[in-house]
């Protein structure tokens, strides 16, 4: 008899740990534990998503005749951590072995590696074959020089999967159509009505539990609408496919009040296992071949799924634990309080944090070029901004969150993930969104009483790190502009930045703050 331990992000019927399960003999163990809800203070919607999806998945396994030993969070005997609950289950069932699938976090893998000795039963850790590239294979590709940049790794994944390929060549004659995917929305554009899911009785029960146990966590629950079953996840994928034609052009666009636009909204379901990467990529490819979606949109989406997603996982598992400890820019400033309250006159940040509170979601440009850009420019300590992203987004699990934030947002890895920092002034946000209209700051002013902080923080960032980035060819234009500034303007920029940092958790300007009710 084997005890198959399924974690909350492994809700895939084809997961490797369930391979060969004997329903008349083996037992599946699933546990809800407070330690996993609180090691960072996860958004309330994220907790509901995982716990509800776990309970639905357990019911589906039971419907197949599989025995499921399910320990609920409010079980009075619950020891509230993985190791304790596994030990109790071993005592109950006395299995010959424990079978698990490789987890998504380094800290959990360290727990797993100690279980056999601790419980006195062999523990088999199987590869997570839902991914297209194993950590061992990524290491081999790294040794072969194919993971220096995501683009080359992505091409390798295209060749291996055959996605959007025409023999040995990419469809359309190019690997990457990103240059076509950077359009701003027309003024006053109204996005599509996206599919959301009304909580059923089981989900409502979980919502009440989360509100009772974790009511002081960030976020609101009245906007919960994420898929919590495989059936709902497939419906969410179908909904995305209807807007996929517009995804390409406007995937980088932002608009106040439009939280979802044309984005997939399937990452939470994908990252807990209700969908798999290959099936969603193939579904998008089918839309192109059916003539319903243009190549730039389909390629852009597939690049995110089999390119970036697989690439950052490889970086994580081949780089940990040392990867997380790097801090190339020596960023040490604490995370500002407005990341939790949203109380800031910077409309871009207030709007993105408001959407994050309401939905446990923001799309990739909002994360990278608004909340992430500010954190980079302000020199926020990598660990603090990483914990925030891990806590507030429903799709955030450390294997995908940490490299994206550590490497792309904070540039803390010194350039392993990107050859230049993703730093921008207000002009970029004004070009790609309507956030600057109606903002309390002047997006065109570099310095002065009402200048947008993104502007003087951007130039201050370039001044501070000129020795590191001054000769980077991808940053030649901004450094040429910096060189043309007089000493007086440079000094004013530094002075404005220092003044802002001194009051970063107080009123930002004499006119006071704008609260968006976060």
Protein backbone atom coordinates (compact mmCIF):
# COMPACT_ATOMS: atom_id res chain seq x y z
CA UNK A 1 0.00 0.00 0.00
CA UNK A 2 1.29 3.45 -0.98
CA UNK A 3 0.35 6.82 0.43
CA UNK A 4 0.21 9.38 -2.40
CA UNK A 5 0.67 12.91 -1.02
CA UNK A 6 -0.89 15.55 -3.33
CA UNK A 7 -0.07 19.23 -2.73
CA UNK A 8 -2.35 22.18 -3.44
CA UNK A 9 -0.65 23.11 -6.73
CA UNK A 10 -0.68 19.53 -8.04
CA UNK A 11 -4.37 19.19 -8.88
CA UNK A 12 -3.84 17.38 -12.17
CA UNK A 13 -5.33 13.95 -12.73
CA UNK A 14 -2.29 13.01 -14.79
CA UNK A 15 0.19 14.14 -12.12
CA UNK A 16 3.15 11.76 -11.85
CA UNK A 17 2.42 10.80 -8.24
CA UNK A 18 -0.96 9.38 -9.30
CA UNK A 19 0.56 7.31 -12.08
CA UNK A 20 -0.18 3.63 -11.42
CA UNK A 21 -2.37 4.26 -8.39
CA UNK A 22 -4.38 1.22 -7.25
CA UNK A 23 -7.78 2.45 -5.99
CA UNK A 24 -8.40 -0.72 -3.99
CA UNK A 25 -5.09 -0.44 -2.17
CA UNK A 26 -3.49 3.00 -2.25
CA UNK A 27 -4.57 6.14 -0.39
CA UNK A 28 -4.30 9.77 -1.50
CA UNK A 29 -3.42 12.24 1.23
CA UNK A 30 -4.39 15.93 0.93
CA UNK A 31 -3.99 18.42 3.76
CA UNK A 32 -4.92 22.04 4.41
CA UNK A 33 -2.36 23.54 6.80
CA UNK A 34 -1.97 27.01 8.28
CA UNK A 35 1.79 27.00 7.70
CA UNK A 36 1.22 27.18 3.93
CA UNK A 37 -1.32 29.98 4.29
CA UNK A 38 0.89 32.18 6.44
CA UNK A 39 4.59 31.79 5.55
CA UNK A 40 3.69 34.87 3.55
CA UNK A 41 0.31 36.45 4.18
CA UNK A 42 -1.41 35.22 1.03
CA UNK A 43 -4.25 37.17 -0.54
CA UNK A 44 -7.60 35.86 0.66
CA UNK A 45 -8.67 34.99 -2.90
CA UNK A 46 -5.51 32.95 -3.40
CA UNK A 47 -6.29 30.93 -0.28
CA UNK A 48 -9.87 30.35 -1.41
CA UNK A 49 -8.69 29.32 -4.88
CA UNK A 50 -6.27 26.70 -3.60
CA UNK A 51 -8.43 25.29 -0.80
CA UNK A 52 -11.60 25.15 -2.87
CA UNK A 53 -9.80 23.58 -5.83
CA UNK A 54 -8.24 21.01 -3.48
CA UNK A 55 -11.64 20.03 -2.07
CA UNK A 56 -13.18 19.75 -5.53
CA UNK A 57 -10.24 17.67 -6.76
CA UNK A 58 -10.55 15.33 -3.78
CA UNK A 59 -14.23 14.83 -4.57
CA UNK A 60 -13.37 14.02 -8.20
CA UNK A 61 -10.84 11.40 -7.08
CA UNK A 62 -13.39 9.87 -4.72
CA UNK A 63 -15.88 9.68 -7.59
CA UNK A 64 -13.35 7.42 -9.35
CA UNK A 65 -13.30 5.11 -6.35
CA UNK A 66 -9.98 6.38 -5.01
CA UNK A 67 -9.65 6.63 -1.23
CA UNK A 68 -8.77 10.16 -0.18
CA UNK A 69 -7.63 11.01 3.34
CA UNK A 70 -8.41 14.71 3.45
CA UNK A 71 -7.44 16.84 6.45
CA UNK A 72 -9.28 20.15 6.68
CA UNK A 73 -7.84 23.33 8.09
CA UNK A 74 -10.32 23.38 10.97
CA UNK A 75 -9.78 19.75 11.99
CA UNK A 76 -8.97 20.00 15.73
CA UNK A 77 -6.22 17.37 15.38
CA UNK A 78 -4.53 19.16 12.46
CA UNK A 79 -0.88 19.91 13.27
CA UNK A 80 -0.97 22.64 10.57
CA UNK A 81 2.20 21.76 8.64
CA UNK A 82 3.10 19.25 5.92
CA UNK A 83 5.55 17.19 7.94
CA UNK A 84 3.32 16.81 10.96
CA UNK A 85 0.30 15.84 8.90
CA UNK A 86 2.27 13.34 6.84
CA UNK A 87 3.55 11.70 10.02
CA UNK A 88 -0.01 11.43 11.36
CA UNK A 89 -1.20 9.92 8.08
CA UNK A 90 1.63 7.38 8.07
CA UNK A 91 0.62 6.35 11.58
CA UNK A 92 -3.00 5.95 10.44
CA UNK A 93 -2.36 3.99 7.24
CA UNK A 94 1.05 2.33 7.78
CA UNK A 95 2.03 2.48 4.10
CA UNK A 96 4.97 0.67 2.57
CA UNK A 97 6.00 3.90 0.80
CA UNK A 98 5.05 7.53 0.30
CA UNK A 99 4.85 8.88 -3.25
CA UNK A 100 5.05 12.59 -4.04
CA UNK A 101 5.61 14.76 -7.09
CA UNK A 102 8.48 17.26 -7.07
CA UNK A 103 7.16 20.45 -5.43
CA UNK A 104 7.17 24.01 -6.73
CA UNK A 105 9.23 25.52 -3.92
CA UNK A 106 12.78 24.91 -2.73
CA UNK A 107 11.77 25.00 0.94
CA UNK A 108 9.18 22.24 0.39
CA UNK A 109 11.71 20.09 -1.46
CA UNK A 110 14.00 20.35 1.57
CA UNK A 111 11.12 19.12 3.73
CA UNK A 112 10.48 16.22 1.37
CA UNK A 113 14.12 15.16 1.42
CA UNK A 114 13.94 14.77 5.18
CA UNK A 115 10.65 12.89 5.34
CA UNK A 116 11.96 9.36 4.83
CA UNK A 117 14.28 9.57 7.81
CA UNK A 118 11.71 11.37 9.93
CA UNK A 119 8.78 9.01 9.34
CA UNK A 120 10.70 5.79 8.79
CA UNK A 121 9.07 5.05 5.42
CA UNK A 122 10.66 5.35 1.93
CA UNK A 123 9.63 8.51 0.07
CA UNK A 124 9.66 8.50 -3.72
CA UNK A 125 9.91 12.00 -5.25
CA UNK A 126 8.79 11.81 -8.88
CA UNK A 127 9.54 14.34 -11.60
CA UNK A 128 6.80 16.88 -12.31
CA UNK A 129 6.24 15.98 -15.94
CA UNK A 130 3.56 18.63 -16.49
CA UNK A 131 6.44 20.88 -17.52
CA UNK A 132 8.15 20.62 -20.89
CA UNK A 133 11.70 20.95 -19.57
CA UNK A 134 12.91 19.24 -16.41
CA UNK A 135 15.48 20.92 -14.16
CA UNK A 136 18.04 18.30 -15.21
CA UNK A 137 17.35 18.96 -18.88
CA UNK A 138 17.55 22.72 -18.32
CA UNK A 139 20.96 22.21 -16.72
CA UNK A 140 22.07 20.22 -19.78
CA UNK A 141 20.81 22.99 -22.08
CA UNK A 142 22.66 25.54 -19.95
CA UNK A 143 25.87 23.55 -20.33
CA UNK A 144 25.26 23.54 -24.08
CA UNK A 145 24.87 27.33 -24.12
CA UNK A 146 21.15 27.35 -24.95
CA UNK A 147 19.77 29.13 -21.89
CA UNK A 148 21.85 32.29 -21.81
CA UNK A 149 18.78 34.22 -22.89
CA UNK A 150 15.14 33.20 -22.91
CA UNK A 151 14.80 33.76 -26.65
CA UNK A 152 17.19 30.92 -27.53
CA UNK A 153 15.63 28.60 -24.97
CA UNK A 154 12.20 29.44 -26.38
CA UNK A 155 13.29 28.51 -29.87
CA UNK A 156 14.50 25.18 -28.54
CA UNK A 157 11.08 24.58 -26.94
CA UNK A 158 9.36 25.45 -30.22
CA UNK A 159 11.50 22.92 -32.06
CA UNK A 160 10.84 20.22 -29.45
CA UNK A 161 7.09 20.72 -29.33
CA UNK A 162 6.56 21.57 -32.99
CA UNK A 163 4.36 24.50 -31.97
CA UNK A 164 4.02 27.10 -34.74
CA UNK A 165 6.67 25.32 -36.77
CA UNK A 166 6.86 24.61 -40.48
CA UNK A 167 9.43 21.85 -40.63
CA UNK A 168 12.59 23.28 -39.10
CA UNK A 169 11.48 26.88 -39.57
CA UNK A 170 9.07 29.05 -37.59
CA UNK A 171 5.72 29.85 -39.13
CA UNK A 172 5.68 33.32 -40.63
CA UNK A 173 9.46 33.34 -41.03
CA UNK A 174 10.11 34.82 -37.59
CA UNK A 175 10.42 33.36 -34.10
CA UNK A 176 9.16 36.42 -32.30
CA UNK A 177 6.45 38.96 -33.17
CA UNK A 178 6.83 41.00 -30.00
CA UNK A 179 7.41 44.24 -31.90
CA UNK A 180 3.82 44.02 -33.17
CA UNK A 181 2.37 43.54 -29.67
CA UNK A 182 2.93 46.95 -28.09
CA UNK A 183 -0.06 49.05 -29.07
CA UNK A 184 -1.90 51.35 -26.69
CA UNK A 185 -5.66 51.16 -26.41
CA UNK A 186 -7.74 53.81 -28.19
CA UNK A 187 -8.99 56.50 -25.83
CA UNK A 188 -12.23 55.45 -24.14
CA UNK A 189 -11.83 51.82 -25.21
CA UNK A 190 -14.20 49.40 -23.50
CA UNK A 191 -12.79 45.94 -22.88
CA UNK A 192 -14.74 42.70 -23.25
CA UNK A 193 -16.86 41.16 -20.52
CA UNK A 194 -14.71 38.30 -19.26
CA UNK A 195 -16.02 35.05 -17.87
CA UNK A 196 -16.02 34.78 -14.08
CA UNK A 197 -17.35 31.90 -11.99
CA UNK A 198 -20.01 32.20 -9.30
CA UNK A 199 -18.82 30.39 -6.15
CA UNK A 200 -20.70 27.14 -5.52
CA UNK A 201 -21.65 25.89 -2.06
CA UNK A 202 -18.27 24.28 -1.46
CA UNK A 203 -16.39 27.43 -2.46
CA UNK A 204 -18.72 29.56 -0.32
CA UNK A 205 -17.88 27.32 2.63
CA UNK A 206 -14.18 27.87 2.01
CA UNK A 207 -14.69 31.62 1.68
CA UNK A 208 -16.30 31.71 5.10
CA UNK A 209 -13.43 29.68 6.55
CA UNK A 210 -10.79 31.97 5.03
CA UNK A 211 -12.58 35.09 6.21
CA UNK A 212 -12.79 33.66 9.72
CA UNK A 213 -9.19 32.41 9.91
CA UNK A 214 -7.36 34.92 7.71
CA UNK A 215 -9.65 37.93 7.66
CA UNK A 216 -6.75 40.30 8.29
CA UNK A 217 -4.92 39.19 5.14
CA UNK A 218 -4.75 41.48 2.11
CA UNK A 219 -7.57 41.45 -0.43
CA UNK A 220 -11.31 41.22 -0.71
CA UNK A 221 -13.42 38.14 -1.36
CA UNK A 222 -16.59 39.62 -2.85
CA UNK A 223 -14.92 39.76 -6.28
CA UNK A 224 -13.84 36.10 -6.26
CA UNK A 225 -14.51 34.48 -9.64
CA UNK A 226 -11.59 32.14 -10.39
CA UNK A 227 -12.13 28.62 -11.77
CA UNK A 228 -11.76 25.95 -9.09
CA UNK A 229 -12.40 22.80 -11.14
CA UNK A 230 -11.00 21.33 -14.33
CA UNK A 231 -14.36 21.95 -16.04
CA UNK A 232 -14.36 25.61 -15.09
CA UNK A 233 -10.72 25.99 -16.10
CA UNK A 234 -11.51 24.69 -19.58
CA UNK A 235 -14.36 27.19 -19.83
CA UNK A 236 -11.94 29.95 -18.81
CA UNK A 237 -9.57 28.81 -21.56
CA UNK A 238 -12.43 28.85 -24.09
CA UNK A 239 -13.28 32.39 -23.00
CA UNK A 240 -9.71 33.51 -23.60
CA UNK A 241 -9.68 31.98 -27.05
CA UNK A 242 -12.59 34.24 -28.03
CA UNK A 243 -10.50 37.35 -27.23
CA UNK A 244 -7.14 35.93 -28.34
CA UNK A 245 -7.22 37.85 -31.67
CA UNK A 246 -6.94 41.13 -29.74
CA UNK A 247 -4.45 39.85 -27.17
CA UNK A 248 -1.44 40.34 -29.42
CA UNK A 249 -1.90 43.99 -30.26
CA UNK A 250 -2.93 45.06 -26.77
CA UNK A 251 -1.15 42.70 -24.40
CA UNK A 252 1.01 45.54 -23.05
CA UNK A 253 -1.81 48.09 -22.76
CA UNK A 254 -3.27 49.33 -19.47
CA UNK A 255 -6.47 51.21 -18.73
CA UNK A 256 -7.99 52.42 -15.47
CA UNK A 257 -10.99 50.36 -14.44
CA UNK A 258 -10.23 47.60 -16.97
CA UNK A 259 -8.71 44.89 -14.83
CA UNK A 260 -8.66 42.02 -17.33
CA UNK A 261 -8.86 43.32 -20.92
CA UNK A 262 -7.71 40.60 -23.36
CA UNK A 263 -5.42 38.62 -21.08
CA UNK A 264 -5.74 34.88 -20.61
CA UNK A 265 -6.72 34.83 -16.92
CA UNK A 266 -5.78 31.15 -16.79
CA UNK A 267 -2.47 31.39 -14.90
CA UNK A 268 -4.08 30.62 -11.50
CA UNK A 269 -5.70 27.47 -12.93
CA UNK A 270 -2.54 26.55 -14.86
CA UNK A 271 -0.26 26.96 -11.86
CA UNK A 272 -2.37 24.75 -9.57
CA UNK A 273 -2.72 22.09 -12.24
CA UNK A 274 -6.28 22.42 -13.54
CA UNK A 275 -4.77 23.04 -16.98
CA UNK A 276 -1.44 22.02 -18.50
CA UNK A 277 0.98 24.17 -20.45
CA UNK A 278 1.01 22.04 -23.57
CA UNK A 279 -2.76 21.85 -23.88
CA UNK A 280 -3.26 25.61 -23.61
CA UNK A 281 -0.47 26.28 -26.10
CA UNK A 282 -1.96 23.75 -28.52
CA UNK A 283 -5.40 25.32 -28.09
CA UNK A 284 -4.00 28.72 -29.05
CA UNK A 285 -2.13 27.24 -32.01
CA UNK A 286 -5.37 25.65 -33.23
CA UNK A 287 -7.00 29.09 -33.30
CA UNK A 288 -4.29 30.28 -35.69
CA UNK A 289 -4.63 27.27 -37.99
CA UNK A 290 -8.42 27.70 -37.98
CA UNK A 291 -7.98 31.30 -39.13
CA UNK A 292 -9.57 32.76 -36.02
CA UNK A 293 -6.49 34.42 -34.48
CA UNK A 294 -3.49 36.19 -36.04
CA UNK A 295 0.02 34.86 -35.74
CA UNK A 296 1.34 37.75 -33.65
CA UNK A 297 -1.29 37.10 -30.96
CA UNK A 298 -0.84 33.34 -30.90
CA UNK A 299 2.95 33.50 -30.93
CA UNK A 300 2.97 36.08 -28.14
CA UNK A 301 0.82 33.88 -25.93
CA UNK A 302 2.74 30.67 -26.69
CA UNK A 303 6.01 32.48 -25.92
CA UNK A 304 4.70 33.29 -22.45
CA UNK A 305 3.64 29.68 -21.81
CA UNK A 306 6.48 27.58 -23.20
CA UNK A 307 9.11 30.32 -23.23
CA UNK A 308 9.09 32.52 -20.15
CA UNK A 309 7.20 30.12 -17.88
CA UNK A 310 9.52 27.20 -18.56
CA UNK A 311 12.62 29.40 -18.63
CA UNK A 312 12.09 30.96 -15.21
CA UNK A 313 11.37 27.53 -13.73
CA UNK A 314 14.70 26.33 -15.07
CA UNK A 315 16.47 29.37 -13.64
CA UNK A 316 14.82 28.74 -10.28
CA UNK A 317 15.68 25.06 -9.92
CA UNK A 318 19.20 25.30 -11.29
CA UNK A 319 19.99 28.46 -9.29
CA UNK A 320 18.46 27.89 -5.87
CA UNK A 321 19.11 28.52 -3.07
CA UNK A 322 21.92 30.91 -3.98
CA UNK A 323 19.91 32.67 -6.68
CA UNK A 324 17.50 34.20 -4.17
CA UNK A 325 20.35 35.61 -2.07
CA UNK A 326 21.84 37.81 -4.79
CA UNK A 327 21.38 41.59 -4.67
CA UNK A 328 23.38 43.01 -7.55
CA UNK A 329 22.11 46.58 -7.13
CA UNK A 330 22.48 46.59 -3.33
CA UNK A 331 18.82 47.51 -2.91
CA UNK A 332 17.90 47.72 0.79
CA UNK A 333 14.93 50.10 1.15
CA UNK A 334 11.85 48.65 2.91
CA UNK A 335 8.65 48.10 0.92
CA UNK A 336 6.49 51.25 1.17
CA UNK A 337 3.24 50.94 3.09
CA UNK A 338 1.19 52.01 0.05
CA UNK A 339 1.85 48.64 -1.58
CA UNK A 340 -0.68 47.37 0.96
CA UNK A 341 -2.94 50.40 1.29
CA UNK A 342 -2.90 51.84 -2.22
CA UNK A 343 -2.82 55.32 -0.70
CA UNK A 344 -0.62 57.21 -3.11
CA UNK A 345 -1.04 60.17 -5.46
CA UNK A 346 0.66 58.14 -8.20
CA UNK A 347 -2.45 57.05 -10.05
CA UNK A 348 -0.70 54.21 -11.87
CA UNK A 349 0.33 52.55 -8.62
CA UNK A 350 -2.98 53.24 -6.90
CA UNK A 351 -4.90 51.71 -9.81
CA UNK A 352 -2.78 48.58 -10.08
CA UNK A 353 -2.80 47.99 -6.32
CA UNK A 354 -6.58 48.51 -6.29
CA UNK A 355 -6.99 45.83 -8.97
CA UNK A 356 -4.62 43.56 -7.10
CA UNK A 357 -6.67 43.95 -3.95
CA UNK A 358 -9.95 43.32 -5.77
CA UNK A 359 -8.88 40.36 -7.91
CA UNK A 360 -5.56 38.91 -6.69
CA UNK A 361 -4.51 39.72 -10.24
CA UNK A 362 -2.65 42.22 -12.41
CA UNK A 363 -1.35 41.53 -15.89
CA UNK A 364 2.33 41.23 -16.75
CA UNK A 365 2.94 44.86 -17.76
CA UNK A 366 1.19 46.18 -14.67
CA UNK A 367 3.40 43.93 -12.54
CA UNK A 368 6.62 44.68 -14.40
CA UNK A 369 6.30 48.31 -15.44
CA UNK A 370 4.19 49.82 -12.65
CA UNK A 371 4.61 48.12 -9.27
CA UNK A 372 7.84 46.49 -10.41
CA UNK A 373 9.29 49.57 -12.07
CA UNK A 374 8.72 51.68 -8.97
CA UNK A 375 10.31 49.02 -6.75
CA UNK A 376 13.37 48.96 -9.01
CA UNK A 377 13.71 52.74 -9.16
CA UNK A 378 13.21 53.08 -5.42
CA UNK A 379 15.76 50.40 -4.55
CA UNK A 380 13.33 48.19 -2.65
CA UNK A 381 15.06 45.19 -1.04
CA UNK A 382 14.53 42.17 -3.34
CA UNK A 383 13.23 39.90 -0.59
CA UNK A 384 10.57 42.40 0.43
CA UNK A 385 9.16 42.99 -3.04
CA UNK A 386 9.35 39.24 -3.77
CA UNK A 387 7.32 38.42 -0.66
CA UNK A 388 4.72 40.98 -1.73
CA UNK A 389 4.29 39.48 -5.20
CA UNK A 390 4.17 35.97 -3.74
CA UNK A 391 1.47 37.03 -1.29
CA UNK A 392 -0.87 39.12 -3.42
CA UNK A 393 -1.28 37.24 -6.72
CA UNK A 394 -3.41 34.12 -7.12
CA UNK A 395 -1.01 32.62 -9.66
CA UNK A 396 2.15 33.28 -7.62
CA UNK A 397 4.12 30.20 -6.63
CA UNK A 398 7.77 30.63 -5.83
CA UNK A 399 9.22 28.75 -8.80
CA UNK A 400 7.60 31.26 -11.19
CA UNK A 401 7.32 34.33 -8.95
CA UNK A 402 10.83 34.56 -7.57
CA UNK A 403 12.84 34.58 -10.83
CA UNK A 404 10.40 36.98 -12.48
CA UNK A 405 10.62 39.43 -9.58
CA UNK A 406 14.24 38.85 -8.58
CA UNK A 407 15.53 38.93 -12.14
CA UNK A 408 13.11 40.99 -14.23
CA UNK A 409 11.73 43.42 -11.64
CA UNK A 410 14.65 43.95 -9.26
CA UNK A 411 17.56 43.05 -11.60
CA UNK A 412 18.97 41.53 -8.41
CA UNK A 413 20.54 38.64 -10.32
CA UNK A 414 22.90 41.02 -12.14
CA UNK A 415 21.48 40.28 -15.58
CA UNK A 416 20.91 36.51 -15.66
CA UNK A 417 17.30 36.97 -16.75
CA UNK A 418 17.59 40.24 -18.66
CA UNK A 419 20.49 42.09 -20.20
CA UNK A 420 19.20 45.44 -18.94
CA UNK A 421 16.97 46.56 -16.07
CA UNK A 422 13.29 47.15 -16.83
CA UNK A 423 13.41 50.80 -15.78
CA UNK A 424 11.18 53.49 -17.21
CA UNK A 425 10.04 57.04 -16.53
CA UNK A 426 6.46 58.29 -16.64
CA UNK A 427 6.52 58.62 -20.44
CA UNK A 428 6.30 54.86 -20.87
CA UNK A 429 3.31 54.56 -18.53
CA UNK A 430 1.65 57.52 -20.25
CA UNK A 431 2.19 55.91 -23.64
CA UNK A 432 0.79 52.51 -22.67
CA UNK A 433 -2.07 53.60 -20.39
CA UNK A 434 -4.48 56.35 -19.40
CA UNK A 435 -3.16 56.39 -15.83
CA UNK A 436 -1.36 59.72 -16.19
CA UNK A 437 -4.57 61.52 -17.17
CA UNK A 438 -6.14 62.84 -13.99
CA UNK A 439 -3.10 61.93 -11.87
CA UNK A 440 -2.06 64.24 -9.06
CA UNK A 441 1.42 64.55 -10.57
CA UNK A 442 2.76 66.12 -13.75
CA UNK A 443 3.99 63.24 -15.91
CA UNK A 444 6.05 65.57 -18.11
CA UNK A 445 8.07 67.25 -15.36
CA UNK A 446 11.43 65.80 -14.32
CA UNK A 447 11.76 67.94 -11.22
CA UNK A 448 9.75 70.47 -9.35
CA UNK A 449 6.97 70.69 -6.80
CA UNK A 450 4.54 68.43 -8.67
CA UNK A 451 6.85 66.35 -10.87
CA UNK A 452 5.94 62.68 -11.21
CA UNK A 453 8.20 60.65 -8.89
CA UNK A 454 8.69 58.10 -11.66
CA UNK A 455 10.63 60.74 -13.57
CA UNK A 456 13.18 61.92 -11.04
CA UNK A 457 13.46 58.40 -9.58
CA UNK A 458 14.25 57.08 -13.07
CA UNK A 459 17.02 59.60 -13.69
CA UNK A 460 18.30 59.15 -10.15
CA UNK A 461 18.46 55.40 -10.81
CA UNK A 462 20.58 56.01 -13.91
CA UNK A 463 22.89 58.35 -12.00
CA UNK A 464 23.23 55.93 -9.07
CA UNK A 465 24.07 52.95 -11.28
CA UNK A 466 26.01 54.67 -14.06
CA UNK A 467 29.14 52.62 -13.38
CA UNK A 468 27.15 49.41 -13.92
CA UNK A 469 24.90 50.39 -16.84
CA UNK A 470 26.61 53.34 -18.48
CA UNK A 471 28.28 51.20 -21.13
CA UNK A 472 25.34 48.85 -21.70
CA UNK A 473 24.49 49.25 -25.42
CA UNK A 474 20.77 48.76 -24.70
CA UNK A 475 20.87 51.82 -22.42
CA UNK A 476 22.90 54.06 -24.69
CA UNK A 477 20.02 56.47 -25.45
CA UNK A 478 19.02 57.30 -21.86
CA UNK A 479 22.64 57.70 -20.83
CA UNK A 480 23.20 59.99 -23.81
CA UNK A 481 20.27 62.10 -22.56
CA UNK A 482 21.69 62.06 -19.04
CA UNK A 483 25.05 63.25 -20.31
CA UNK A 484 23.36 66.22 -21.97
CA UNK A 485 21.91 67.40 -18.65
CA UNK A 486 23.65 70.15 -16.77
CA UNK A 487 25.10 69.60 -13.32
CA UNK A 488 22.35 71.71 -11.81
CA UNK A 489 19.59 69.49 -13.20
CA UNK A 490 21.38 66.34 -12.13
CA UNK A 491 21.77 67.73 -8.62
CA UNK A 492 18.07 68.68 -8.55
CA UNK A 493 17.11 65.14 -9.60
CA UNK A 494 19.16 63.60 -6.80
CA UNK A 495 17.75 66.08 -4.30
CA UNK A 496 14.15 65.37 -5.38
CA UNK A 497 14.73 61.62 -5.08
CA UNK A 498 16.28 61.90 -1.63
CA UNK A 499 13.41 64.07 -0.48
CA UNK A 500 10.86 61.57 -1.79
CA UNK A 501 12.59 58.68 -0.05
CA UNK A 502 12.57 60.63 3.21
CA UNK A 503 8.77 60.92 3.11
CA UNK A 504 7.98 57.69 1.23
CA UNK A 505 5.57 56.49 3.91
CA UNK A 506 4.12 59.94 4.57
CA UNK A 507 2.33 62.53 2.43
CA UNK A 508 4.12 62.57 -0.91
CA UNK A 509 3.55 66.26 -1.61
CA UNK A 510 2.05 69.28 0.10
CA UNK A 511 -1.28 68.67 -1.63
CA UNK A 512 -1.58 65.35 0.22
CA UNK A 513 -2.48 61.84 -0.85
CA UNK A 514 -5.23 60.39 -2.96
CA UNK A 515 -6.79 57.27 -1.46
CA UNK A 516 -8.55 54.86 -3.78
CA UNK A 517 -10.14 53.03 -0.90
CA UNK A 518 -7.66 50.19 -0.83
